[in-house]
Protein backbone atom coordinates (compact mmCIF):
# COMPACT_ATOMS: atom_id res chain seq x y z
CA MET A 1 4.05 12.71 11.81
CA ARG A 2 4.93 15.68 13.93
CA ALA A 3 8.47 16.66 14.78
CA THR A 4 9.48 16.39 18.38
CA ARG A 5 11.26 19.04 20.42
CA SER A 6 13.06 16.47 22.52
CA THR A 7 16.80 16.30 22.02
CA SER A 8 17.41 12.97 23.70
CA ALA A 9 15.74 9.64 23.26
CA GLY A 10 14.20 7.86 26.19
CA PRO A 11 15.57 4.61 27.57
CA SER A 12 13.24 2.42 25.49
CA LEU A 13 14.49 3.81 22.18
CA ARG A 14 18.07 3.50 23.32
CA LYS A 15 17.43 -0.22 23.89
CA VAL A 16 16.03 -0.54 20.37
CA PHE A 17 19.03 1.14 18.74
CA CYS A 18 21.71 -0.38 21.01
CA LEU A 19 21.29 -4.04 20.25
CA PRO A 20 23.44 -6.63 21.98
CA ALA A 21 26.71 -7.73 20.40
CA ASN A 22 25.19 -11.04 19.29
CA ALA A 23 22.45 -9.31 17.27
CA ARG A 24 22.34 -9.86 13.52
CA GLU A 25 24.95 -7.68 11.80
CA ASP A 26 22.47 -6.26 9.27
CA VAL A 27 20.29 -4.91 12.10
CA ARG A 28 22.92 -3.35 14.37
CA VAL A 29 23.21 0.44 14.36
CA GLU A 30 26.83 1.58 14.66
CA ASN A 31 26.04 5.12 15.81
CA PRO A 32 22.74 5.15 17.73
CA GLU A 33 22.87 8.87 18.55
CA LYS A 34 23.33 9.74 14.86
CA ALA A 35 20.48 7.40 13.89
CA LEU A 36 18.19 9.01 16.46
CA GLU A 37 19.14 12.52 15.31
CA GLU A 38 18.51 11.61 11.66
CA ALA A 39 15.11 10.18 12.61
CA ARG A 40 14.32 13.37 14.56
CA GLN A 41 15.34 15.56 11.60
CA ALA A 42 13.16 13.43 9.30
CA GLY A 43 10.18 14.39 11.47
CA ILE A 44 9.72 11.10 13.30
CA ASP A 45 8.11 11.67 16.68
CA LEU A 46 10.52 9.80 18.92
CA ASP A 47 8.61 10.85 22.04
CA LEU A 48 5.49 9.14 20.67
CA LEU A 49 7.47 6.02 19.80
CA ASP A 50 9.03 5.97 23.24
CA SER A 51 5.68 6.42 25.01
CA ASN A 52 4.18 3.58 22.95
CA LEU A 53 7.13 1.32 23.75
CA ALA A 54 6.55 2.09 27.43
CA LEU A 55 3.03 0.62 27.21
CA PRO A 56 2.52 -3.02 28.08
CA VAL A 57 2.40 -5.29 25.03
CA LYS A 58 -1.22 -6.19 25.82
CA GLU A 59 -2.20 -2.50 25.62
CA ARG A 60 -0.34 -2.00 22.33
CA TRP A 61 -2.19 -5.00 20.88
CA ARG A 62 -5.50 -3.60 22.18
CA GLN A 63 -4.82 -0.28 20.46
CA HIS A 64 -3.76 -2.07 17.27
CA ASP A 65 -6.92 -4.19 17.26
CA GLY A 66 -9.07 -1.08 17.77
CA ALA A 67 -7.39 0.74 14.89
CA LEU A 68 -7.74 -2.33 12.66
CA ALA A 69 -11.45 -2.67 13.49
CA PHE A 70 -11.94 1.01 12.61
CA ILE A 71 -10.18 0.63 9.25
CA LEU A 72 -12.22 -2.47 8.41
CA LYS A 73 -15.44 -0.57 9.18
CA LEU A 74 -14.32 2.26 6.88
CA GLU A 75 -13.53 -0.20 4.09
CA GLU A 76 -16.93 -1.88 4.48
CA ALA A 77 -18.70 1.49 4.42
CA LYS A 78 -16.83 2.38 1.21
CA ARG A 79 -17.81 -0.94 -0.38
CA LYS A 80 -21.48 -0.37 0.51
CA HIS A 81 -21.34 3.19 -0.78
CA ASP A 82 -19.62 2.19 -4.02
CA ALA A 83 -22.12 -0.65 -4.58
CA GLY A 84 -24.89 1.93 -4.65
CA LEU A 85 -23.24 4.01 -7.37
CA GLN A 86 -24.31 3.67 -10.98
CA SER A 87 -21.70 3.11 -13.63
CA VAL A 88 -21.45 5.69 -16.38
CA THR A 89 -20.88 4.59 -19.97
CA ARG A 90 -18.96 6.67 -22.50
CA GLU A 91 -22.14 7.29 -24.48
CA ALA A 92 -23.84 8.80 -21.45
CA ARG A 93 -21.08 11.37 -20.98
């Protein structure tokens, strides 16, 4: 993750951190500005999060599905590669 230079969160992130009063107590953030600053200092790219939250849900799912398909292809390629390797016994070392 890259650190962001932005000093204020966009409106989407503010909505995430400022939950309504009827939200579950264990999820509510008492000091949203402090939480955002701590996230920023930890290197979380809040601008990237905010831009992704601004995308329509359908587009976020499309990007997710594309990333998942890519990972599955990588895993399959690794399985095929590993299947072609010969095992080495201790005596052969």
